[in-house]
PDB file of N, CA and C in Angstrom:
ATOM      1  N   MET A   1    -160.849 131.973 149.206  1.00  0.00           N
ATOM      2  CA  MET A   1    -160.969 131.180 147.788  1.00  0.00           C
ATOM      3  C   MET A   1    -161.313 129.944 147.784  1.00  0.00           C
ATOM      4  N   VAL A   2    -160.159 130.118 147.652  1.00  0.00           N
ATOM      5  CA  VAL A   2    -159.373 128.501 146.629  1.00  0.00           C
ATOM      6  C   VAL A   2    -158.656 127.422 148.317  1.00  0.00           C
ATOM      7  N   PRO A   3    -159.848 126.368 149.296  1.00  0.00           N
ATOM      8  CA  PRO A   3    -159.173 125.616 150.268  1.00  0.00           C
ATOM      9  C   PRO A   3    -158.295 125.053 149.544  1.00  0.00           C
ATOM     10  N   THR A   4    -157.536 124.824 151.260  1.00  0.00           N
ATOM     11  CA  THR A   4    -156.747 124.037 151.072  1.00  0.00           C
ATOM     12  C   THR A   4    -156.683 122.291 150.964  1.00  0.00           C
ATOM     13  N   THR A   5    -156.314 121.328 150.173  1.00  0.00           N
ATOM     14  CA  THR A   5    -156.937 120.328 149.783  1.00  0.00           C
ATOM     15  C   THR A   5    -155.914 118.927 149.360  1.00  0.00           C
ATOM     16  N   GLY A   6    -156.006 118.528 150.295  1.00  0.00           N
ATOM     17  CA  GLY A   6    -154.760 117.130 150.115  1.00  0.00           C
ATOM     18  C   GLY A   6    -155.026 116.744 148.595  1.00  0.00           C
ATOM     19  N   VAL A   7    -154.012 115.932 147.617  1.00  0.00           N
ATOM     20  CA  VAL A   7    -154.297 115.835 146.133  1.00  0.00           C
ATOM     21  C   VAL A   7    -153.558 114.375 146.253  1.00  0.00           C
ATOM     22  N   PRO A   8    -154.411 113.364 146.463  1.00  0.00           N
ATOM     23  CA  PRO A   8    -154.112 111.759 146.832  1.00  0.00           C
ATOM     24  C   PRO A   8    -153.594 111.468 146.077  1.00  0.00           C
ATOM     25  N   MET A   9    -151.894 110.607 145.677  1.00  0.00           N
ATOM     26  CA  MET A   9    -151.006 109.866 144.837  1.00  0.00           C
ATOM     27  C   MET A   9    -150.380 108.497 145.111  1.00  0.00           C
ATOM     28  N   GLY A  10    -150.717 107.630 144.170  1.00  0.00           N
ATOM     29  CA  GLY A  10    -149.926 106.106 144.774  1.00  0.00           C
ATOM     30  C   GLY A  10    -149.611 105.139 144.463  1.00  0.00           C
ATOM     31  N   TYR A  11    -148.262 104.624 143.787  1.00  0.00           N
ATOM     32  CA  TYR A  11    -147.701 103.588 142.759  1.00  0.00           C
ATOM     33  C   TYR A  11    -147.087 102.688 143.070  1.00  0.00           C
ATOM     34  N   TYR A  12    -147.567 101.354 142.787  1.00  0.00           N
ATOM     35  CA  TYR A  12    -147.334 100.136 143.708  1.00  0.00           C
ATOM     36  C   TYR A  12    -146.328  99.378 142.540  1.00  0.00           C
ATOM     37  N   VAL A  13    -145.181  98.939 142.270  1.00  0.00           N
ATOM     38  CA  VAL A  13    -145.195  97.804 141.192  1.00  0.00           C
ATOM     39  C   VAL A  13    -144.551  96.762 141.514  1.00  0.00           C
ATOM     40  N   LYS A  14    -144.713  95.371 141.098  1.00  0.00           N
ATOM     41  CA  LYS A  14    -144.328  94.522 140.884  1.00  0.00           C
ATOM     42  C   LYS A  14    -143.764  93.576 140.247  1.00  0.00           C
ATOM     43  N   PRO A  15    -142.666  93.217 140.049  1.00  0.00           N
ATOM     44  CA  PRO A  15    -142.090  92.867 138.632  1.00  0.00           C
ATOM     45  C   PRO A  15    -142.429  90.525 139.234  1.00  0.00           C
ATOM     46  N   LEU A  16    -142.564  90.480 138.729  1.00  0.00           N
ATOM     47  CA  LEU A  16    -143.952  88.627 138.511  1.00  0.00           C
ATOM     48  C   LEU A  16    -142.618  88.182 137.722  1.00  0.00           C
ATOM     49  N   ASP A  17    -141.523  88.419 136.346  1.00  0.00           N
ATOM     50  CA  ASP A  17    -140.514  87.843 135.925  1.00  0.00           C
ATOM     51  C   ASP A  17    -139.183  88.256 135.830  1.00  0.00           C
ATOM     52  N   ASP A  18    -138.561  88.177 134.690  1.00  0.00           N
ATOM     53  CA  ASP A  18    -137.011  89.016 134.373  1.00  0.00           C
ATOM     54  C   ASP A  18    -138.397  90.187 132.771  1.00  0.00           C
ATOM     55  N   LYS A  19    -139.427  89.294 132.864  1.00  0.00           N
ATOM     56  CA  LYS A  19    -139.949  90.271 131.485  1.00  0.00           C
ATOM     57  C   LYS A  19    -141.277  90.732 131.986  1.00  0.00           C
ATOM     58  N   VAL A  20    -141.962  90.618 132.742  1.00  0.00           N
ATOM     59  CA  VAL A  20    -142.939  91.526 132.902  1.00  0.00           C
ATOM     60  C   VAL A  20    -143.463  91.449 133.954  1.00  0.00           C
ATOM     61  N   ALA A  21    -144.344  92.886 134.259  1.00  0.00           N
ATOM     62  CA  ALA A  21    -144.267  93.670 135.761  1.00  0.00           C
ATOM     63  C   ALA A  21    -145.902  94.065 136.491  1.00  0.00           C
ATOM     64  N   PHE A  22    -146.399  93.925 137.435  1.00  0.00           N
ATOM     65  CA  PHE A  22    -147.829  94.268 137.481  1.00  0.00           C
ATOM     66  C   PHE A  22    -146.964  95.880 138.187  1.00  0.00           C
ATOM     67  N   GLY A  23    -148.187  96.524 137.625  1.00  0.00           N
ATOM     68  CA  GLY A  23    -148.363  98.188 138.365  1.00  0.00           C
ATOM     69  C   GLY A  23    -149.484  98.559 138.889  1.00  0.00           C
ATOM     70  N   LEU A  24    -149.433  99.501 140.163  1.00  0.00           N
ATOM     71  CA  LEU A  24    -151.622  99.986 140.292  1.00  0.00           C
ATOM     72  C   LEU A  24    -150.368 101.363 140.320  1.00  0.00           C
ATOM     73  N   GLY A  25    -151.967 102.124 139.914  1.00  0.00           N
ATOM     74  CA  GLY A  25    -151.457 103.203 140.071  1.00  0.00           C
ATOM     75  C   GLY A  25    -152.986 103.617 140.788  1.00  0.00           C
ATOM     76  N   VAL A  26    -152.676 104.680 141.996  1.00  0.00           N
ATOM     77  CA  VAL A  26    -154.197 105.600 142.114  1.00  0.00           C
ATOM     78  C   VAL A  26    -154.025 106.891 142.321  1.00  0.00           C
ATOM     79  N   TYR A  27    -154.625 107.735 141.704  1.00  0.00           N
ATOM     80  CA  TYR A  27    -154.458 108.794 141.427  1.00  0.00           C
ATOM     81  C   TYR A  27    -155.336 110.136 140.611  1.00  0.00           C
ATOM     82  N   VAL A  28    -154.942 111.350 141.771  1.00  0.00           N
ATOM     83  CA  VAL A  28    -156.109 112.447 140.827  1.00  0.00           C
ATOM     84  C   VAL A  28    -155.514 113.406 139.716  1.00  0.00           C
ATOM     85  N   PRO A  29    -156.664 112.619 138.522  1.00  0.00           N
ATOM     86  CA  PRO A  29    -155.599 113.328 137.964  1.00  0.00           C
ATOM     87  C   PRO A  29    -156.322 114.756 137.018  1.00  0.00           C
ATOM     88  N   PHE A  30    -157.579 115.188 137.887  1.00  0.00           N
ATOM     89  CA  PHE A  30    -158.065 116.660 137.889  1.00  0.00           C
ATOM     90  C   PHE A  30    -158.622 116.315 139.188  1.00  0.00           C
ATOM     91  N   GLY A  31    -158.514 117.976 139.402  1.00  0.00           N
ATOM     92  CA  GLY A  31    -159.892 118.896 140.686  1.00  0.00           C
ATOM     93  C   GLY A  31    -160.253 120.230 140.446  1.00  0.00           C
ATOM     94  N   LEU A  32    -160.673 120.555 141.011  1.00  0.00           N
ATOM     95  CA  LEU A  32    -161.288 122.143 141.267  1.00  0.00           C
ATOM     96  C   LEU A  32    -161.564 122.024 142.598  1.00  0.00           C
ATOM     97  N   MET A  33    -161.927 123.239 142.793  1.00  0.00           N
ATOM     98  CA  MET A  33    -162.296 123.781 144.201  1.00  0.00           C
ATOM     99  C   MET A  33    -162.190 125.466 144.482  1.00  0.00           C
ATOM    100  N   THR A  34    -163.808 125.996 144.283  1.00  0.00           N
ATOM    101  CA  THR A  34    -163.145 127.138 144.698  1.00  0.00           C
ATOM    102  C   THR A  34    -164.625 127.417 146.137  1.00  0.00           C
ATOM    103  N   ASP A  35    -164.861 128.886 146.324  1.00  0.00           N
ATOM    104  CA  ASP A  35    -165.603 128.707 147.566  1.00  0.00           C
ATOM    105  C   ASP A  35    -165.657 129.796 147.399  1.00  0.00           C
ATOM    106  N   TYR A  36    -166.259 130.788 146.732  1.00  0.00           N
ATOM    107  CA  TYR A  36    -166.802 132.180 147.310  1.00  0.00           C
ATOM    108  C   TYR A  36    -167.207 132.993 148.396  1.00  0.00           C
ATOM    109  N   GLU A  37    -166.756 133.949 149.180  1.00  0.00           N
ATOM    110  CA  GLU A  37    -167.583 134.974 150.443  1.00  0.00           C
ATOM    111  C   GLU A  37    -169.078 134.756 149.729  1.00  0.00           C
ATOM    112  N   ARG A  38    -169.911 134.571 151.085  1.00  0.00           N
ATOM    113  CA  ARG A  38    -171.538 134.862 151.004  1.00  0.00           C
ATOM    114  C   ARG A  38    -172.126 136.001 149.560  1.00  0.00           C
ATOM    115  N   THR A  39    -170.825 137.368 150.290  1.00  0.00           N
ATOM    116  CA  THR A  39    -171.410 138.623 149.540  1.00  0.00           C
ATOM    117  C   THR A  39    -170.582 139.636 148.059  1.00  0.00           C
ATOM    118  N   PHE A  40    -169.799 138.046 147.676  1.00  0.00           N
ATOM    119  CA  PHE A  40    -168.673 137.816 146.558  1.00  0.00           C
ATOM    120  C   PHE A  40    -169.474 138.224 145.650  1.00  0.00           C
ATOM    121  N   GLN A  41    -168.983 139.683 144.646  1.00  0.00           N
ATOM    122  CA  GLN A  41    -169.803 140.735 143.950  1.00  0.00           C
ATOM    123  C   GLN A  41    -170.420 139.849 142.787  1.00  0.00           C
ATOM    124  N   GLY A  42    -169.529 138.276 142.614  1.00  0.00           N
ATOM    125  CA  GLY A  42    -169.602 137.554 141.309  1.00  0.00           C
ATOM    126  C   GLY A  42    -170.212 136.277 141.181  1.00  0.00           C
ATOM    127  N   ARG A  43    -171.273 136.506 142.439  1.00  0.00           N
ATOM    128  CA  ARG A  43    -171.683 135.308 143.213  1.00  0.00           C
ATOM    129  C   ARG A  43    -173.252 134.751 142.123  1.00  0.00           C
ATOM    130  N   TYR A  44    -173.202 135.859 141.243  1.00  0.00           N
ATOM    131  CA  TYR A  44    -174.238 135.491 140.496  1.00  0.00           C
ATOM    132  C   TYR A  44    -173.361 134.594 139.059  1.00  0.00           C
ATOM    133  N   TYR A  45    -172.327 134.404 139.005  1.00  0.00           N
ATOM    134  CA  TYR A  45    -171.587 133.153 138.027  1.00  0.00           C
ATOM    135  C   TYR A  45    -170.883 131.461 138.590  1.00  0.00           C
ATOM    136  N   ALA A  46    -170.946 132.556 139.733  1.00  0.00           N
ATOM    137  CA  ALA A  46    -169.982 131.312 140.655  1.00  0.00           C
ATOM    138  C   ALA A  46    -170.245 132.030 142.136  1.00  0.00           C
ATOM    139  N   ASP A  47    -170.678 130.993 143.018  1.00  0.00           N
ATOM    140  CA  ASP A  47    -169.942 130.789 144.725  1.00  0.00           C
ATOM    141  C   ASP A  47    -169.149 129.206 145.171  1.00  0.00           C
ATOM    142  N   LYS A  48    -169.732 128.326 144.852  1.00  0.00           N
ATOM    143  CA  LYS A  48    -169.085 127.248 144.972  1.00  0.00           C
ATOM    144  C   LYS A  48    -168.766 126.607 143.987  1.00  0.00           C
ATOM    145  N   SER A  49    -167.773 126.231 143.817  1.00  0.00           N
ATOM    146  CA  SER A  49    -167.312 125.253 142.341  1.00  0.00           C
ATOM    147  C   SER A  49    -166.277 124.179 143.272  1.00  0.00           C
ATOM    148  N   TYR A  50    -166.999 122.455 143.215  1.00  0.00           N
ATOM    149  CA  TYR A  50    -165.924 121.476 143.294  1.00  0.00           C
ATOM    150  C   TYR A  50    -166.143 120.057 142.280  1.00  0.00           C
ATOM    151  N   VAL A  51    -165.085 120.081 141.142  1.00  0.00           N
ATOM    152  CA  VAL A  51    -165.027 118.386 140.506  1.00  0.00           C
ATOM    153  C   VAL A  51    -163.956 117.900 141.310  1.00  0.00           C
ATOM    154  N   ARG A  52    -164.253 116.538 141.127  1.00  0.00           N
ATOM    155  CA  ARG A  52    -163.277 115.169 141.977  1.00  0.00           C
ATOM    156  C   ARG A  52    -163.117 114.230 141.287  1.00  0.00           C
ATOM    157  N   VAL A  53    -161.740 113.642 140.483  1.00  0.00           N
ATOM    158  CA  VAL A  53    -161.520 112.826 140.018  1.00  0.00           C
ATOM    159  C   VAL A  53    -160.755 112.170 140.320  1.00  0.00           C
ATOM    160  N   ILE A  54    -160.432 110.375 140.526  1.00  0.00           N
ATOM    161  CA  ILE A  54    -160.272 110.013 141.099  1.00  0.00           C
ATOM    162  C   ILE A  54    -160.147 108.442 140.410  1.00  0.00           C
ATOM    163  N   THR A  55    -158.707 108.398 140.129  1.00  0.00           N
ATOM    164  CA  THR A  55    -157.905 106.267 139.003  1.00  0.00           C
ATOM    165  C   THR A  55    -158.060 106.409 139.987  1.00  0.00           C
ATOM    166  N   VAL A  56    -157.786 104.759 139.043  1.00  0.00           N
ATOM    167  CA  VAL A  56    -157.241 103.234 139.554  1.00  0.00           C
ATOM    168  C   VAL A  56    -156.899 102.755 138.341  1.00  0.00           C
ATOM    169  N   GLN A  57    -155.823 101.980 138.548  1.00  0.00           N
ATOM    170  CA  GLN A  57    -155.308 101.743 137.060  1.00  0.00           C
ATOM    171  C   GLN A  57    -154.265 100.818 137.535  1.00  0.00           C
ATOM    172  N   PRO A  58    -155.011  99.344 137.116  1.00  0.00           N
ATOM    173  CA  PRO A  58    -153.394  98.913 137.968  1.00  0.00           C
ATOM    174  C   PRO A  58    -153.656  98.535 135.989  1.00  0.00           C
ATOM    175  N   THR A  59    -151.942  97.442 136.037  1.00  0.00           N
ATOM    176  CA  THR A  59    -151.012  97.931 134.625  1.00  0.00           C
ATOM    177  C   THR A  59    -149.597  96.581 134.348  1.00  0.00           C
ATOM    178  N   LEU A  60    -150.768  95.672 133.155  1.00  0.00           N
ATOM    179  CA  LEU A  60    -149.023  94.959 132.969  1.00  0.00           C
ATOM    180  C   LEU A  60    -147.830  95.191 131.999  1.00  0.00           C
ATOM    181  N   SER A  61    -147.200  95.105 132.193  1.00  0.00           N
ATOM    182  CA  SER A  61    -145.819  96.048 131.265  1.00  0.00           C
ATOM    183  C   SER A  61    -144.933  94.447 130.864  1.00  0.00           C
ATOM    184  N   TYR A  62    -144.463  94.718 129.488  1.00  0.00           N
ATOM    185  CA  TYR A  62    -143.888  93.264 129.591  1.00  0.00           C
ATOM    186  C   TYR A  62    -142.551  94.140 128.383  1.00  0.00           C
ATOM    187  N   ARG A  63    -141.298  93.859 128.824  1.00  0.00           N
ATOM    188  CA  ARG A  63    -139.474  94.231 128.383  1.00  0.00           C
ATOM    189  C   ARG A  63    -139.805  93.084 127.229  1.00  0.00           C
ATOM    190  N   PHE A  64    -139.231  93.198 126.573  1.00  0.00           N
ATOM    191  CA  PHE A  64    -138.739  92.157 125.466  1.00  0.00           C
ATOM    192  C   PHE A  64    -137.343  92.129 125.014  1.00  0.00           C
ATOM    193  N   ASN A  65    -137.142  93.329 125.166  1.00  0.00           N
ATOM    194  CA  ASN A  65    -135.494  93.499 125.416  1.00  0.00           C
ATOM    195  C   ASN A  65    -135.091  94.346 126.134  1.00  0.00           C
ATOM    196  N   ASP A  66    -133.363  94.411 126.349  1.00  0.00           N
ATOM    197  CA  ASP A  66    -133.092  95.694 127.322  1.00  0.00           C
ATOM    198  C   ASP A  66    -133.111  96.991 126.037  1.00  0.00           C
ATOM    199  N   LYS A  67    -134.263  97.426 125.147  1.00  0.00           N
ATOM    200  CA  LYS A  67    -133.873  98.446 124.991  1.00  0.00           C
ATOM    201  C   LYS A  67    -136.073  98.821 124.944  1.00  0.00           C
ATOM    202  N   LEU A  68    -136.580  97.557 124.144  1.00  0.00           N
ATOM    203  CA  LEU A  68    -137.809  98.183 124.291  1.00  0.00           C
ATOM    204  C   LEU A  68    -138.859  97.491 125.440  1.00  0.00           C
ATOM    205  N   SER A  69    -139.866  97.739 125.640  1.00  0.00           N
ATOM    206  CA  SER A  69    -140.745  97.968 126.423  1.00  0.00           C
ATOM    207  C   SER A  69    -142.277  98.202 126.189  1.00  0.00           C
ATOM    208  N   VAL A  70    -143.131  97.455 126.566  1.00  0.00           N
ATOM    209  CA  VAL A  70    -145.039  97.711 126.605  1.00  0.00           C
ATOM    210  C   VAL A  70    -145.476  98.018 127.360  1.00  0.00           C
ATOM    211  N   GLY A  71    -146.242  98.853 128.005  1.00  0.00           N
ATOM    212  CA  GLY A  71    -147.607  98.748 129.172  1.00  0.00           C
ATOM    213  C   GLY A  71    -148.929  98.979 128.106  1.00  0.00           C
ATOM    214  N   PHE A  72    -149.563  98.370 129.374  1.00  0.00           N
ATOM    215  CA  PHE A  72    -151.115  98.322 129.102  1.00  0.00           C
ATOM    216  C   PHE A  72    -151.798  98.371 130.550  1.00  0.00           C
ATOM    217  N   GLY A  73    -152.934  99.290 130.485  1.00  0.00           N
ATOM    218  CA  GLY A  73    -153.541  98.596 131.602  1.00  0.00           C
ATOM    219  C   GLY A  73    -155.404 100.059 131.699  1.00  0.00           C
ATOM    220  N   PRO A  74    -156.579  99.457 132.077  1.00  0.00           N
ATOM    221  CA  PRO A  74    -157.492  99.563 132.083  1.00  0.00           C
ATOM    222  C   PRO A  74    -157.091 101.037 132.917  1.00  0.00           C
ATOM    223  N   THR A  75    -158.721 101.555 133.014  1.00  0.00           N
ATOM    224  CA  THR A  75    -158.696 103.430 133.794  1.00  0.00           C
ATOM    225  C   THR A  75    -159.754 102.828 134.431  1.00  0.00           C
ATOM    226  N   PHE A  76    -159.894 102.843 135.695  1.00  0.00           N
ATOM    227  CA  PHE A  76    -161.694 103.241 136.124  1.00  0.00           C
ATOM    228  C   PHE A  76    -161.564 104.542 136.540  1.00  0.00           C
ATOM    229  N   ASN A  77    -162.448 105.269 136.798  1.00  0.00           N
ATOM    230  CA  ASN A  77    -162.062 107.002 136.879  1.00  0.00           C
ATOM    231  C   ASN A  77    -163.613 106.632 137.731  1.00  0.00           C
ATOM    232  N   HIS A  78    -163.758 107.620 138.364  1.00  0.00           N
ATOM    233  CA  HIS A  78    -165.230 108.511 139.121  1.00  0.00           C
ATOM    234  C   HIS A  78    -164.547 109.949 139.539  1.00  0.00           C
ATOM    235  N   ILE A  79    -165.705 110.479 139.044  1.00  0.00           N
ATOM    236  CA  ILE A  79    -165.986 112.106 139.000  1.00  0.00           C
ATOM    237  C   ILE A  79    -167.277 112.126 139.866  1.00  0.00           C
ATOM    238  N   GLU A  80    -167.181 113.357 140.868  1.00  0.00           N
ATOM    239  CA  GLU A  80    -168.395 114.179 141.463  1.00  0.00           C
ATOM    240  C   GLU A  80    -168.241 115.586 140.887  1.00  0.00           C
ATOM    241  N   GLY A  81    -169.269 116.153 141.030  1.00  0.00           N
ATOM    242  CA  GLY A  81    -168.532 117.891 141.262  1.00  0.00           C
ATOM    243  C   GLY A  81    -170.173 118.506 141.679  1.00  0.00           C
ATOM    244  N   GLU A  82    -169.737 119.815 141.415  1.00  0.00           N
ATOM    245  CA  GLU A  82    -171.085 120.754 142.567  1.00  0.00           C
ATOM    246  C   GLU A  82    -170.686 121.770 141.430  1.00  0.00           C
ATOM    247  N   LEU A  83    -171.861 122.828 141.324  1.00  0.00           N
ATOM    248  CA  LEU A  83    -171.522 124.227 140.837  1.00  0.00           C
ATOM    249  C   LEU A  83    -172.462 124.300 141.602  1.00  0.00           C
ATOM    250  N   SER A  84    -172.311 125.956 141.466  1.00  0.00           N
ATOM    251  CA  SER A  84    -173.466 126.945 142.058  1.00  0.00           C
ATOM    252  C   SER A  84    -173.152 128.372 142.252  1.00  0.00           C
ATOM    253  N   SER A  85    -174.453 128.956 142.218  1.00  0.00           N
ATOM    254  CA  SER A  85    -174.617 129.853 141.621  1.00  0.00           C
ATOM    255  C   SER A  85    -175.579 130.936 142.611  1.00  0.00           C
ATOM    256  N   SER A  86    -175.578 132.082 143.252  1.00  0.00           N
ATOM    257  CA  SER A  86    -176.792 133.314 143.079  1.00  0.00           C
ATOM    258  C   SER A  86    -177.303 133.412 141.870  1.00  0.00           C
ATOM    259  N   LEU A  87    -179.070 133.340 142.823  1.00  0.00           N
ATOM    260  CA  LEU A  87    -179.764 133.907 141.433  1.00  0.00           C
ATOM    261  C   LEU A  87    -179.859 135.158 141.803  1.00  0.00           C
ATOM    262  N   LEU A  88    -180.377 135.924 141.073  1.00  0.00           N
ATOM    263  CA  LEU A  88    -180.690 137.684 140.987  1.00  0.00           C
ATOM    264  C   LEU A  88    -182.312 136.986 141.434  1.00  0.00           C
ATOM    265  N   ASN A  89    -182.814 138.046 141.916  1.00  0.00           N
ATOM    266  CA  ASN A  89    -184.094 137.597 142.355  1.00  0.00           C
ATOM    267  C   ASN A  89    -184.519 139.855 142.633  1.00  0.00           C
ATOM    268  N   PRO A  90    -184.826 140.403 142.040  1.00  0.00           N
ATOM    269  CA  PRO A  90    -184.936 141.948 142.701  1.00  0.00           C
ATOM    270  C   PRO A  90    -186.224 141.815 144.025  1.00  0.00           C
ATOM    271  N   GLY A  91    -185.638 142.736 144.498  1.00  0.00           N
ATOM    272  CA  GLY A  91    -186.825 142.646 145.667  1.00  0.00           C
ATOM    273  C   GLY A  91    -187.079 142.073 146.903  1.00  0.00           C
ATOM    274  N   ASN A  92    -185.838 140.414 146.639  1.00  0.00           N
ATOM    275  CA  ASN A  92    -185.810 139.979 147.839  1.00  0.00           C
ATOM    276  C   ASN A  92    -184.660 139.367 147.471  1.00  0.00           C
ATOM    277  N   SER A  93    -184.823 138.115 148.755  1.00  0.00           N
ATOM    278  CA  SER A  93    -183.208 137.780 148.186  1.00  0.00           C
ATOM    279  C   SER A  93    -182.680 136.868 147.402  1.00  0.00           C
ATOM    280  N   ASP A  94    -181.461 136.813 147.271  1.00  0.00           N
ATOM    281  CA  ASP A  94    -180.984 135.958 146.412  1.00  0.00           C
ATOM    282  C   ASP A  94    -181.624 134.758 146.597  1.00  0.00           C
ATOM    283  N   GLY A  95    -181.712 134.087 145.597  1.00  0.00           N
ATOM    284  CA  GLY A  95    -181.919 132.674 145.105  1.00  0.00           C
ATOM    285  C   GLY A  95    -180.943 131.683 145.001  1.00  0.00           C
ATOM    286  N   LYS A  96    -180.998 130.329 144.856  1.00  0.00           N
ATOM    287  CA  LYS A  96    -179.913 129.676 144.620  1.00  0.00           C
ATOM    288  C   LYS A  96    -180.031 128.335 142.849  1.00  0.00           C
ATOM    289  N   VAL A  97    -179.012 128.081 142.485  1.00  0.00           N
ATOM    290  CA  VAL A  97    -178.870 127.865 141.923  1.00  0.00           C
ATOM    291  C   VAL A  97    -178.249 126.856 141.799  1.00  0.00           C
ATOM    292  N   ARG A  98    -177.661 125.442 142.040  1.00  0.00           N
ATOM    293  CA  ARG A  98    -177.071 124.680 142.387  1.00  0.00           C
ATOM    294  C   ARG A  98    -176.743 123.186 140.842  1.00  0.00           C
ATOM    295  N   VAL A  99    -176.406 123.028 141.000  1.00  0.00           N
ATOM    296  CA  VAL A  99    -175.991 121.315 140.144  1.00  0.00           C
ATOM    297  C   VAL A  99    -175.300 120.575 140.131  1.00  0.00           C
ATOM    298  N   LYS A 100    -175.390 119.163 140.307  1.00  0.00           N
ATOM    299  CA  LYS A 100    -174.723 118.696 141.385  1.00  0.00           C
ATOM    300  C   LYS A 100    -174.815 116.370 140.927  1.00  0.00           C
ATOM    301  N   GLY A 101    -173.518 116.519 140.623  1.00  0.00           N
ATOM    302  CA  GLY A 101    -173.746 114.615 139.802  1.00  0.00           C
ATOM    303  C   GLY A 101    -172.494 113.679 139.737  1.00  0.00           C
ATOM    304  N   ASP A 102    -172.635 112.870 139.678  1.00  0.00           N
ATOM    305  CA  ASP A 102    -170.907 111.929 139.743  1.00  0.00           C
ATOM    306  C   ASP A 102    -171.721 110.550 138.645  1.00  0.00           C
ATOM    307  N   ASP A 103    -170.418 110.559 138.679  1.00  0.00           N
ATOM    308  CA  ASP A 103    -170.392 109.163 136.897  1.00  0.00           C
ATOM    309  C   ASP A 103    -169.111 108.297 137.251  1.00  0.00           C
ATOM    310  N   THR A 104    -168.851 107.226 136.576  1.00  0.00           N
ATOM    311  CA  THR A 104    -168.160 106.600 136.758  1.00  0.00           C
ATOM    312  C   THR A 104    -167.441 106.088 135.219  1.00  0.00           C
ATOM    313  N   ALA A 105    -166.554 105.814 134.753  1.00  0.00           N
ATOM    314  CA  ALA A 105    -166.309 105.648 133.325  1.00  0.00           C
ATOM    315  C   ALA A 105    -165.234 104.311 133.430  1.00  0.00           C
ATOM    316  N   VAL A 106    -165.201 103.411 132.127  1.00  0.00           N
ATOM    317  CA  VAL A 106    -163.863 102.791 132.201  1.00  0.00           C
ATOM    318  C   VAL A 106    -162.757 103.437 131.200  1.00  0.00           C
ATOM    319  N   GLY A 107    -161.536 103.094 131.117  1.00  0.00           N
ATOM    320  CA  GLY A 107    -161.058 104.240 129.621  1.00  0.00           C
ATOM    321  C   GLY A 107    -159.256 103.092 129.916  1.00  0.00           C
ATOM    322  N   PHE A 108    -158.562 103.228 129.140  1.00  0.00           N
ATOM    323  CA  PHE A 108    -157.253 102.321 129.272  1.00  0.00           C
ATOM    324  C   PHE A 108    -156.029 103.160 128.687  1.00  0.00           C
ATOM    325  N   ASN A 109    -154.328 102.456 129.271  1.00  0.00           N
ATOM    326  CA  ASN A 109    -153.408 103.562 128.624  1.00  0.00           C
ATOM    327  C   ASN A 109    -152.802 102.414 127.965  1.00  0.00           C
ATOM    328  N   ALA A 110    -152.178 103.192 126.983  1.00  0.00           N
ATOM    329  CA  ALA A 110    -151.321 102.179 126.316  1.00  0.00           C
ATOM    330  C   ALA A 110    -150.043 103.075 125.996  1.00  0.00           C
ATOM    331  N   GLY A 111    -149.111 102.416 126.389  1.00  0.00           N
ATOM    332  CA  GLY A 111    -147.649 102.678 126.318  1.00  0.00           C
ATOM    333  C   GLY A 111    -146.296 102.437 125.673  1.00  0.00           C
ATOM    334  N   VAL A 112    -145.456 102.703 124.553  1.00  0.00           N
ATOM    335  CA  VAL A 112    -143.480 102.165 124.755  1.00  0.00           C
ATOM    336  C   VAL A 112    -142.884 102.601 124.929  1.00  0.00           C
ATOM    337  N   LEU A 113    -142.104 102.082 125.604  1.00  0.00           N
ATOM    338  CA  LEU A 113    -140.659 102.666 126.298  1.00  0.00           C
ATOM    339  C   LEU A 113    -139.604 102.447 125.412  1.00  0.00           C
ATOM    340  N   TYR A 114    -138.844 103.300 124.998  1.00  0.00           N
ATOM    341  CA  TYR A 114    -137.272 102.752 124.288  1.00  0.00           C
ATOM    342  C   TYR A 114    -136.375 103.827 124.832  1.00  0.00           C
ATOM    343  N   GLU A 115    -135.189 102.222 125.198  1.00  0.00           N
ATOM    344  CA  GLU A 115    -133.344 103.188 125.639  1.00  0.00           C
ATOM    345  C   GLU A 115    -132.891 103.505 125.065  1.00  0.00           C
ATOM    346  N   PHE A 116    -132.329 104.579 124.838  1.00  0.00           N
ATOM    347  CA  PHE A 116    -131.500 104.813 123.938  1.00  0.00           C
ATOM    348  C   PHE A 116    -130.083 104.365 124.043  1.00  0.00           C
ATOM    349  N   THR A 117    -130.254 105.040 125.395  1.00  0.00           N
ATOM    350  CA  THR A 117    -128.422 104.517 126.316  1.00  0.00           C
ATOM    351  C   THR A 117    -129.236 104.440 127.828  1.00  0.00           C
ATOM    352  N   PRO A 118    -128.106 104.402 128.275  1.00  0.00           N
ATOM    353  CA  PRO A 118    -128.816 104.366 129.887  1.00  0.00           C
ATOM    354  C   PRO A 118    -128.986 105.019 130.745  1.00  0.00           C
ATOM    355  N   ASN A 119    -128.628 106.201 129.888  1.00  0.00           N
ATOM    356  CA  ASN A 119    -129.264 107.815 130.052  1.00  0.00           C
ATOM    357  C   ASN A 119    -130.201 108.704 128.997  1.00  0.00           C
ATOM    358  N   THR A 120    -130.895 107.707 128.113  1.00  0.00           N
ATOM    359  CA  THR A 120    -132.081 107.674 127.168  1.00  0.00           C
ATOM    360  C   THR A 120    -132.738 107.869 127.021  1.00  0.00           C
ATOM    361  N   ARG A 121    -134.226 107.542 127.907  1.00  0.00           N
ATOM    362  CA  ARG A 121    -135.009 107.207 126.622  1.00  0.00           C
ATOM    363  C   ARG A 121    -136.488 107.929 126.783  1.00  0.00           C
ATOM    364  N   ALA A 122    -137.051 107.388 125.779  1.00  0.00           N
ATOM    365  CA  ALA A 122    -138.305 108.199 125.053  1.00  0.00           C
ATOM    366  C   ALA A 122    -139.665 107.318 125.088  1.00  0.00           C
ATOM    367  N   GLY A 123    -140.831 107.811 125.490  1.00  0.00           N
ATOM    368  CA  GLY A 123    -142.053 106.895 125.576  1.00  0.00           C
ATOM    369  C   GLY A 123    -143.201 107.314 124.622  1.00  0.00           C
ATOM    370  N   VAL A 124    -144.218 106.932 124.260  1.00  0.00           N
ATOM    371  CA  VAL A 124    -145.198 106.727 124.308  1.00  0.00           C
ATOM    372  C   VAL A 124    -146.486 106.708 124.278  1.00  0.00           C
ATOM    373  N   THR A 125    -147.540 107.489 124.933  1.00  0.00           N
ATOM    374  CA  THR A 125    -148.607 107.078 125.792  1.00  0.00           C
ATOM    375  C   THR A 125    -150.104 107.331 124.848  1.00  0.00           C
TER     376      THR A 125
END
């Protein structure tokens, strides 16, 4: 019912100087995939579902001193999905209901990181 699928992600960071760094993240924050057999008893609730989200996030960070740094970056998110189920049709073969769609949205992430000791850091995003 749950096919094997790859989940891509990758991150790149390039220091621009001693205080500023540029980063780029490409990742999948959420995904869902199920594909039931044609004779599945719950096919009237769902037989195939998939939702795919991919995010691209460029980021800039600034280090104020050895303890405190901040970062900010917009997120560009694309989602696509399909939900389908069988439709009970007494006396005839089952019908099909399918909802399909996609969208793109823009958001952002911001964060603060504080280093208490070389082995202990805490962050808020």
